[in-house]
Amino acid sequence: MRPIRLLLADDHALVLQAVRFALEPNPEIEIVGEARSGSEVLPRIGETRPDLLLLDIRMPGIDGLQLLDRLQQQYPETKVVILSGLDDPEVAAEAIRRGAKAFLGKGIDPADIAPVLRQVFEGEVVAESIGSAPGIAELASDEFGLTTREREILERVATGRSNKQIAGEFWLSEQTIKYHLTNVYRKLGVSSRTEAARFAYDHGLAGNNSSGEDRKQQLNG
């Protein structure tokens, strides 16, 4: 049986590196190319003719949901698996409605990606497979230079916790939490809790401590 031809689409180099590291030893999967922005995806599909596309939902240029609509029109034979930091059932359901065959969180253990790709290639629809392992989420935090404590605090911010609540959880002072958040904002290039929470969800940094309702309260509050 010939290998599955796979195109990777993600704008974060470390995520691409982690996925490649996990998949390249697998002889039944051939990575035929990468796209680093939404606008690159359709041309790369035309060039490489992949069987599967592993696609981030948040991409510069054209986002993943828009791409799903265009893929259905231009390359309906290419099956799409979403790999996203947005651990949101509503977004996952919308992606499936628009034609994605699976929705994976960036917290998934990279070793678990290949079996899902095989299932999708063979015609199964994995309606929702939100990752729960820390793997890629921790790699993503390394990409932005966050310390372990900064990542832990950012995860709590993404769930809507206050500085006082976070301080109590870690047995630290509120001033220490503020100090860590100042560093987080600087490293991520954001200026508010809402921007930090949105960035965390968009880039796989939100961890596994939050629900879709937590996210709505944080981003809309």
Protein backbone atom coordinates (compact mmCIF):
# COMPACT_ATOMS: atom_id res chain seq x y z
CA MET A 1 0.00 0.00 0.00
CA ARG A 2 1.37 3.43 -0.92
CA PRO A 3 2.02 5.94 1.89
CA ILE A 4 -0.51 8.60 2.80
CA ARG A 5 0.50 11.91 1.25
CA LEU A 6 0.24 14.60 3.94
CA LEU A 7 0.49 18.39 3.75
CA LEU A 8 1.14 20.31 6.99
CA ALA A 9 -0.32 23.79 7.47
CA ASP A 10 0.60 25.76 10.61
CA ASP A 11 2.25 29.12 11.12
CA HIS A 12 4.27 27.99 14.15
CA ALA A 13 7.62 26.44 13.33
CA LEU A 14 7.86 24.53 16.59
CA VAL A 15 4.49 22.85 16.05
CA LEU A 16 5.51 21.84 12.53
CA GLN A 17 8.80 20.51 13.88
CA ALA A 18 7.04 18.47 16.57
CA VAL A 19 4.58 16.98 14.08
CA ARG A 20 7.35 16.15 11.63
CA PHE A 21 9.40 14.53 14.38
CA ALA A 22 6.42 12.37 15.35
CA LEU A 23 5.33 11.41 11.82
CA GLU A 24 8.47 11.12 9.69
CA PRO A 25 9.58 7.75 11.18
CA ASN A 26 6.19 6.34 10.18
CA PRO A 27 6.61 4.63 6.76
CA GLU A 28 2.92 4.82 5.93
CA ILE A 29 2.91 8.64 5.99
CA GLU A 30 4.80 10.83 3.51
CA ILE A 31 4.96 14.55 4.35
CA VAL A 32 4.86 16.22 0.95
CA GLY A 33 5.08 19.85 2.02
CA GLU A 34 4.25 22.66 4.42
CA ALA A 35 2.22 25.85 4.34
CA ARG A 36 2.96 28.62 6.85
CA SER A 37 -0.05 30.83 6.10
CA GLY A 38 -3.63 30.34 5.02
CA SER A 39 -2.97 31.93 1.64
CA GLU A 40 -0.29 29.30 0.90
CA VAL A 41 -2.53 26.29 1.51
CA LEU A 42 -4.50 26.07 -1.73
CA PRO A 43 -1.47 26.64 -4.00
CA ARG A 44 0.50 24.00 -2.05
CA ILE A 45 -2.36 21.52 -2.42
CA GLY A 46 -2.35 22.17 -6.15
CA GLU A 47 1.40 21.50 -6.28
CA THR A 48 1.59 18.46 -3.99
CA ARG A 49 -1.85 16.80 -4.37
CA PRO A 50 -1.96 15.43 -0.80
CA ASP A 51 -4.42 12.83 0.43
CA LEU A 52 -4.68 14.61 3.76
CA LEU A 53 -4.20 18.14 5.06
CA LEU A 54 -3.30 18.72 8.73
CA LEU A 55 -4.56 22.27 9.21
CA ASP A 56 -4.36 24.84 12.00
CA ILE A 57 -7.67 26.65 12.53
CA ARG A 58 -5.98 30.03 13.10
CA MET A 59 -3.79 30.94 10.15
CA PRO A 60 -2.63 34.33 8.87
CA GLY A 61 -4.18 35.35 5.57
CA ILE A 62 -7.11 32.94 5.43
CA ASP A 63 -8.29 31.13 8.54
CA GLY A 64 -8.98 27.42 8.72
CA LEU A 65 -12.77 27.65 8.58
CA GLN A 66 -12.66 29.76 5.41
CA LEU A 67 -10.17 27.32 3.92
CA LEU A 68 -12.50 24.41 4.62
CA ASP A 69 -15.19 26.09 2.50
CA ARG A 70 -12.76 26.68 -0.37
CA LEU A 71 -11.31 23.17 -0.13
CA GLN A 72 -14.78 21.67 -0.49
CA GLN A 73 -15.14 23.57 -3.77
CA GLN A 74 -11.64 23.22 -5.24
CA TYR A 75 -10.11 20.05 -3.75
CA PRO A 76 -12.95 17.94 -2.31
CA GLU A 77 -10.80 14.81 -2.59
CA THR A 78 -8.31 16.15 0.00
CA LYS A 79 -9.42 15.17 3.49
CA VAL A 80 -8.77 17.65 6.30
CA VAL A 81 -7.78 17.06 9.92
CA ILE A 82 -7.76 20.17 12.12
CA LEU A 83 -4.94 20.60 14.65
CA SER A 84 -5.84 23.56 16.84
CA GLY A 85 -5.17 25.23 20.16
CA LEU A 86 -8.85 26.19 20.32
CA ASP A 87 -10.23 23.60 22.73
CA ASP A 88 -13.78 24.71 21.97
CA PRO A 89 -16.56 22.22 21.10
CA GLU A 90 -18.44 24.87 19.12
CA VAL A 91 -15.45 25.58 16.89
CA ALA A 92 -14.83 21.85 16.51
CA ALA A 93 -18.46 21.27 15.51
CA GLU A 94 -18.32 24.11 12.98
CA ALA A 95 -15.12 22.70 11.47
CA ILE A 96 -16.74 19.27 11.12
CA ARG A 97 -19.84 20.86 9.58
CA ARG A 98 -17.63 22.55 6.98
CA GLY A 99 -15.99 19.29 6.01
CA ALA A 100 -13.14 18.51 8.42
CA LYS A 101 -12.90 14.81 9.28
CA ALA A 102 -11.30 15.24 12.73
CA PHE A 103 -10.50 17.99 15.21
CA LEU A 104 -7.37 17.56 17.34
CA GLY A 105 -6.22 19.84 20.13
CA LYS A 106 -2.56 20.90 20.18
CA GLY A 107 -2.35 19.26 23.57
CA ILE A 108 -2.54 15.88 21.86
CA ASP A 109 0.45 13.60 22.22
CA PRO A 110 2.17 13.83 18.80
CA ALA A 111 2.42 10.04 18.75
CA ASP A 112 -1.39 9.86 18.65
CA ILE A 113 -1.69 11.88 15.44
CA ALA A 114 -0.70 9.11 13.01
CA PRO A 115 -3.50 6.70 14.05
CA VAL A 116 -6.08 9.47 13.54
CA LEU A 117 -4.66 10.26 10.11
CA ARG A 118 -4.91 6.58 9.18
CA GLN A 119 -8.54 6.44 10.34
CA VAL A 120 -9.45 9.51 8.31
CA PHE A 121 -7.61 8.24 5.24
CA GLU A 122 -9.56 5.00 5.45
CA GLY A 123 -12.84 6.89 5.47
CA GLU A 124 -13.71 7.26 9.14
CA VAL A 125 -14.86 10.58 10.62
CA VAL A 126 -13.34 11.29 14.01
CA ALA A 127 -15.92 13.90 14.97
CA GLU A 128 -13.96 15.37 17.86
CA SER A 129 -10.64 14.29 19.35
CA ILE A 130 -9.52 17.12 21.63
CA GLY A 131 -6.02 16.34 22.89
CA SER A 132 -5.46 16.06 26.61
CA ALA A 133 -1.73 15.32 26.81
CA PRO A 134 0.66 18.26 27.30
CA GLY A 135 3.01 17.45 24.38
CA ILE A 136 2.64 20.18 21.77
CA ALA A 137 1.17 22.72 24.21
CA GLU A 138 4.42 22.65 26.19
CA LEU A 139 6.45 22.95 23.01
CA ALA A 140 4.35 25.96 22.02
CA SER A 141 5.12 27.66 25.34
CA ASP A 142 8.84 27.08 24.71
CA GLU A 143 8.50 28.75 21.32
CA PHE A 144 7.37 31.98 22.98
CA GLY A 145 9.99 31.79 25.72
CA LEU A 146 7.57 31.24 28.60
CA THR A 147 8.83 29.67 31.79
CA THR A 148 6.87 26.81 33.33
CA ARG A 149 5.38 29.16 35.95
CA GLU A 150 4.44 31.74 33.32
CA ARG A 151 2.70 29.08 31.25
CA GLU A 152 0.82 27.80 34.30
CA ILE A 153 -0.35 31.31 35.16
CA LEU A 154 -1.37 32.00 31.55
CA GLU A 155 -3.43 28.79 31.56
CA ARG A 156 -5.30 30.06 34.63
CA VAL A 157 -5.83 33.49 33.05
CA ALA A 158 -7.32 31.73 30.02
CA THR A 159 -9.95 30.12 32.29
CA GLY A 160 -10.99 33.50 33.67
CA ARG A 161 -9.35 33.23 37.09
CA SER A 162 -8.46 36.48 38.86
CA ASN A 163 -4.98 37.34 40.13
CA LYS A 164 -6.21 36.70 43.67
CA GLN A 165 -7.48 33.22 42.74
CA ILE A 166 -4.25 32.37 40.91
CA ALA A 167 -2.16 33.64 43.81
CA GLY A 168 -4.11 31.46 46.22
CA GLU A 169 -3.68 28.40 44.01
CA PHE A 170 0.11 28.78 43.86
CA TRP A 171 0.60 30.16 47.38
CA LEU A 172 2.11 33.33 45.94
CA SER A 173 1.37 37.02 46.46
CA GLU A 174 -0.83 38.91 44.00
CA GLN A 175 2.16 41.18 43.32
CA THR A 176 4.17 38.13 42.21
CA ILE A 177 1.36 37.07 39.88
CA LYS A 178 1.28 40.59 38.40
CA TYR A 179 5.05 40.43 37.88
CA HIS A 180 4.76 37.13 36.01
CA LEU A 181 1.87 38.44 33.90
CA THR A 182 3.88 41.51 32.93
CA ASN A 183 6.54 39.17 31.55
CA VAL A 184 3.92 37.05 29.80
CA TYR A 185 2.36 40.10 28.11
CA ARG A 186 5.79 41.29 26.95
CA LYS A 187 6.78 37.90 25.52
CA LEU A 188 3.45 37.39 23.72
CA GLY A 189 3.17 40.99 22.51
CA VAL A 190 -0.21 41.59 24.18
CA SER A 191 -1.41 44.27 26.58
CA SER A 192 -4.41 42.87 28.46
CA ARG A 193 -5.80 39.73 30.09
CA THR A 194 -8.35 39.31 27.30
CA GLU A 195 -5.66 39.53 24.62
CA ALA A 196 -3.48 37.09 26.56
CA ALA A 197 -6.37 34.61 26.91
CA ARG A 198 -7.21 34.86 23.22
CA PHE A 199 -3.55 34.40 22.29
CA ALA A 200 -3.36 31.36 24.55
CA TYR A 201 -6.32 29.68 22.85
CA ASP A 202 -5.17 30.62 19.35
CA HIS A 203 -1.64 29.23 19.87
CA GLY A 204 -2.18 26.09 21.91
CA LEU A 205 -1.05 27.62 25.21
CA ALA A 206 -4.29 27.30 27.17
CA GLY A 207 -3.50 23.84 28.50
CA ASN A 208 -6.20 21.48 29.72
CA ASN A 209 -7.63 23.44 32.63
CA SER A 210 -10.43 25.20 30.77
CA SER A 211 -13.80 24.54 29.21
CA GLY A 212 -15.53 26.19 26.30
CA GLU A 213 -17.75 28.11 28.75
CA ASP A 214 -14.68 29.38 30.63
CA ARG A 215 -13.30 30.64 27.35
CA LYS A 216 -16.48 32.49 26.45
CA GLN A 217 -16.62 34.16 29.87
CA GLN A 218 -12.98 35.24 29.59
CA LEU A 219 -13.06 36.54 26.04
CA ASN A 220 -16.47 38.20 26.27
CA GLY A 221 -16.22 39.45 29.85
